[in-house]
Amino acid sequence: MLLLNNNAARPYIVAMKQHLIISAFALLLTASTASASCLVEFKAKRDNPTEYRHDIMEVPDQHCTAPAAKRYVRMQLAARGWTLLAIVKKAS
């Protein structure tokens, strides 16, 4: 049995505390970057062969208005050979 006040266990406890602090910092960092964008659900197509796609794209905060999000998604898809058919939903 491992006792917390055991000197032999001290390195493990220190390592666990460091891991916890690093994990908490990473979670905080992820949460702050996630709030700086919005999600756009879209439909797109590609020819030769014909393919259809219904997906979600993360859009940077400066493009989160409806017209700007549509332009951003259209440009991102065009760079990959897709044509935007419709924006289904935009969530902030």
Protein backbone atom coordinates (compact mmCIF):
# COMPACT_ATOMS: atom_id res chain seq x y z
CA MET A 1 0.00 0.00 0.00
CA LEU A 2 1.30 3.46 -0.89
CA LEU A 3 1.13 6.06 1.84
CA LEU A 4 1.07 9.72 0.83
CA ASN A 5 3.44 10.77 3.60
CA ASN A 6 5.96 8.11 2.61
CA ASN A 7 9.26 9.64 1.45
CA ALA A 8 9.68 6.93 -1.18
CA ALA A 9 6.40 8.02 -2.78
CA ARG A 10 7.32 11.72 -2.91
CA PRO A 11 8.74 11.66 -6.52
CA TYR A 12 5.53 10.06 -7.78
CA ILE A 13 3.38 12.64 -6.01
CA VAL A 14 5.47 15.51 -7.42
CA ALA A 15 5.21 14.02 -10.90
CA MET A 16 1.43 13.66 -10.54
CA LYS A 17 1.10 17.28 -9.42
CA GLN A 18 3.19 18.48 -12.37
CA HIS A 19 1.09 16.39 -14.75
CA LEU A 20 -2.09 17.82 -13.26
CA ILE A 21 -0.83 21.41 -13.61
CA ILE A 22 0.25 20.85 -17.23
CA SER A 23 -3.10 19.21 -18.06
CA ALA A 24 -5.05 22.06 -16.47
CA PHE A 25 -3.00 24.63 -18.40
CA ALA A 26 -3.54 22.77 -21.68
CA LEU A 27 -7.28 22.61 -21.03
CA LEU A 28 -7.40 26.32 -20.26
CA LEU A 29 -5.45 27.12 -23.42
CA THR A 30 -7.75 24.94 -25.53
CA ALA A 31 -10.87 26.52 -24.05
CA SER A 32 -9.65 30.04 -24.75
CA THR A 33 -8.78 29.30 -28.39
CA ALA A 34 -12.06 27.49 -28.99
CA SER A 35 -14.06 30.58 -28.03
CA ALA A 36 -12.21 32.62 -30.66
CA SER A 37 -14.00 30.91 -33.54
CA CYS A 38 -17.35 29.64 -34.73
CA LEU A 39 -18.54 26.49 -36.45
CA VAL A 40 -20.23 26.46 -39.84
CA GLU A 41 -22.18 23.47 -41.13
CA PHE A 42 -22.12 23.32 -44.93
CA LYS A 43 -22.91 21.25 -48.01
CA ALA A 44 -20.47 21.04 -50.91
CA LYS A 45 -19.85 19.08 -54.10
CA ARG A 46 -16.95 18.08 -56.31
CA ASP A 47 -17.07 16.87 -59.93
CA ASN A 48 -15.22 14.06 -61.73
CA PRO A 49 -16.35 11.87 -60.06
CA THR A 50 -19.32 13.62 -58.51
CA GLU A 51 -19.09 13.66 -54.71
CA TYR A 52 -21.24 15.40 -52.14
CA ARG A 53 -20.12 16.44 -48.69
CA HIS A 54 -22.03 17.58 -45.59
CA ASP A 55 -19.53 18.70 -42.94
CA ILE A 56 -18.58 21.27 -40.30
CA MET A 57 -15.73 23.76 -40.57
CA GLU A 58 -14.18 25.88 -37.83
CA VAL A 59 -14.07 29.52 -38.93
CA PRO A 60 -11.82 32.18 -37.32
CA ASP A 61 -13.52 34.81 -35.19
CA GLN A 62 -13.01 37.66 -37.69
CA HIS A 63 -15.08 35.68 -40.25
CA CYS A 64 -17.97 34.74 -37.94
CA THR A 65 -20.63 37.00 -39.47
CA ALA A 66 -22.91 35.15 -41.91
CA PRO A 67 -21.57 36.76 -45.14
CA ALA A 68 -17.93 36.56 -44.05
CA ALA A 69 -18.31 32.93 -42.94
CA LYS A 70 -19.81 32.03 -46.31
CA ARG A 71 -16.91 33.70 -48.16
CA TYR A 72 -14.35 32.00 -45.90
CA VAL A 73 -15.86 28.52 -46.30
CA ARG A 74 -16.21 29.02 -50.07
CA MET A 75 -12.52 29.98 -50.38
CA GLN A 76 -11.32 27.11 -48.16
CA LEU A 77 -13.36 24.58 -50.12
CA ALA A 78 -12.31 25.98 -53.51
CA ALA A 79 -8.67 25.56 -52.54
CA ARG A 80 -9.41 21.84 -52.11
CA GLY A 81 -11.43 21.49 -55.33
CA TRP A 82 -14.90 21.67 -53.77
CA THR A 83 -17.83 23.97 -54.59
CA LEU A 84 -19.94 25.35 -51.75
CA LEU A 85 -23.62 24.52 -52.26
CA ALA A 86 -25.09 25.91 -49.03
CA ILE A 87 -24.39 27.03 -45.51
CA VAL A 88 -26.74 24.92 -43.40
CA LYS A 89 -26.10 26.47 -40.00
CA LYS A 90 -23.65 28.78 -38.25
CA ALA A 91 -23.02 28.28 -34.54
CA SER A 92 -20.92 30.65 -32.44
